[in-house]
Protein backbone atom coordinates (compact mmCIF):
# COMPACT_ATOMS: atom_id res chain seq x y z
CA MET A 1 42.90 -30.14 -19.21
CA GLY A 2 41.30 -30.17 -22.15
CA LYS A 3 38.01 -32.11 -22.14
CA PHE A 4 36.54 -34.70 -25.02
CA ILE A 5 32.74 -33.69 -25.18
CA TYR A 6 30.16 -36.26 -26.58
CA GLY A 7 26.86 -35.71 -26.01
CA ASP A 8 26.32 -35.12 -21.55
CA ALA A 9 29.82 -37.56 -21.71
CA SER A 10 32.65 -35.69 -21.80
CA LEU A 11 36.28 -37.50 -20.91
CA ARG A 12 39.14 -34.70 -19.31
CA VAL A 13 42.64 -34.81 -20.64
CA ASP A 14 46.05 -32.94 -20.63
CA ASP A 15 45.92 -31.03 -23.63
CA ARG A 16 48.22 -32.83 -25.56
CA THR A 17 46.47 -35.87 -25.40
CA LEU A 18 43.04 -34.15 -26.46
CA TRP A 19 45.36 -33.01 -29.13
CA HIS A 20 46.10 -36.52 -30.69
CA LEU A 21 43.06 -38.20 -29.71
CA GLU A 22 40.96 -35.85 -31.79
CA LEU A 23 43.53 -36.36 -34.69
CA SER A 24 43.54 -40.23 -34.71
CA ILE A 25 39.88 -40.33 -34.16
CA GLY A 26 39.09 -37.41 -36.58
CA ALA A 27 41.75 -39.81 -39.84
CA VAL A 28 39.25 -42.76 -39.22
CA LEU A 29 36.30 -41.27 -39.29
CA ALA A 30 37.61 -39.22 -42.15
CA VAL A 31 37.56 -42.70 -44.06
CA GLY A 32 34.01 -43.22 -43.02
CA ASP A 33 34.73 -46.37 -39.97
CA SER A 34 32.56 -46.32 -36.95
CA PHE A 35 34.20 -47.71 -33.41
CA HIS A 36 33.78 -47.25 -30.00
CA PHE A 37 34.96 -45.31 -26.88
CA THR A 38 36.21 -46.72 -23.90
CA TRP A 39 37.62 -44.60 -21.35
CA ARG A 40 37.80 -45.93 -17.55
CA GLU A 41 36.56 -42.73 -15.09
CA ASP A 42 37.31 -40.49 -12.79
CA VAL A 43 37.64 -41.79 -9.35
CA SER A 44 35.24 -39.27 -8.33
CA ALA A 45 32.90 -40.09 -11.01
CA GLY A 46 32.49 -43.59 -9.62
CA ILE A 47 34.30 -46.47 -10.34
CA GLY A 48 34.01 -47.72 -14.13
CA ARG A 49 34.21 -46.81 -17.90
CA THR A 50 32.01 -44.96 -20.53
CA SER A 51 31.78 -46.04 -24.02
CA VAL A 52 30.61 -44.21 -27.21
CA TRP A 53 29.66 -44.88 -30.47
CA LEU A 54 31.63 -42.89 -33.15
CA SER A 55 30.57 -42.44 -36.61
CA PRO A 56 31.33 -40.67 -39.38
CA MET A 57 27.43 -38.98 -37.99
CA SER A 58 28.99 -37.93 -34.75
CA ARG A 59 29.08 -34.71 -33.18
CA LEU A 60 32.55 -34.66 -31.18
CA ARG A 61 33.98 -32.13 -29.06
CA TYR A 62 37.38 -31.27 -27.94
CA ARG A 63 37.99 -28.47 -25.45
CA TYR A 64 41.37 -27.33 -24.67
CA LYS A 65 42.35 -25.30 -20.96
CA GLY A 66 45.56 -23.80 -22.72
CA GLY A 67 47.56 -23.51 -25.93
CA ASP A 68 51.22 -25.11 -26.13
CA ARG A 69 50.31 -28.90 -27.27
CA GLY A 70 54.20 -29.27 -26.92
CA ALA A 71 55.42 -31.79 -30.48
CA LEU A 72 52.96 -34.27 -32.64
CA ASN A 73 53.83 -37.14 -31.74
CA ARG A 74 52.07 -39.36 -35.40
CA GLU A 75 53.57 -42.94 -33.34
CA TRP A 76 50.76 -41.86 -31.11
CA ILE A 77 47.79 -41.31 -33.81
CA LYS A 78 49.38 -44.39 -35.71
CA ALA A 79 48.31 -46.29 -32.53
CA LEU A 80 46.04 -45.63 -31.65
CA MET A 81 43.88 -45.40 -34.82
CA VAL A 82 45.25 -48.79 -34.89
CA GLN A 83 43.53 -49.27 -32.07
CA ALA A 84 40.12 -47.98 -33.28
CA GLY A 85 40.28 -51.12 -35.89
CA LYS A 86 40.15 -53.50 -33.49
CA ARG A 87 37.54 -55.28 -32.05
CA GLU A 88 36.91 -53.39 -28.02
CA GLY A 89 37.98 -50.36 -30.51
CA LEU A 90 39.34 -46.44 -28.78
CA VAL A 91 40.84 -46.64 -25.76
CA LEU A 92 43.71 -44.69 -24.42
CA LEU A 93 47.02 -45.32 -24.63
CA PRO A 94 49.86 -44.46 -22.76
CA GLU A 95 51.95 -41.92 -25.03
CA PRO A 96 54.39 -43.80 -26.82
CA PRO A 97 58.18 -41.92 -27.17
CA LEU A 98 59.09 -39.80 -29.61
CA PRO A 99 61.43 -40.73 -32.49
CA GLY A 100 64.69 -40.17 -31.09
CA ALA A 101 63.82 -39.43 -27.56
CA PRO A 102 66.49 -40.63 -25.65
CA GLU A 103 64.45 -43.50 -23.53
CA LEU A 104 64.44 -42.78 -19.98
CA ASP A 105 65.28 -46.32 -17.17
CA ARG A 106 61.68 -47.38 -16.17
């Protein structure tokens, strides 16, 4: 599990998710945009959510546990960037299937 760190707030996610968050957040901040990033807290931290304001001046840290992140999913990065531009800000979206990947029955 990796960790997104902003001040004393942190979010634990798998390394693959963290990688896609880092790329999408970085791309939005690189063009000078600011936005909220909101996530639900783990049950161990209590019920609720955390929301942080990200701006190009934010000091963010991404701490990875492992090395293998798999193939880059550009559609996921685009979806996260679009979400960051919405009124409610960035929320973690599930990863869409990689292009050309077989669809699984749900």
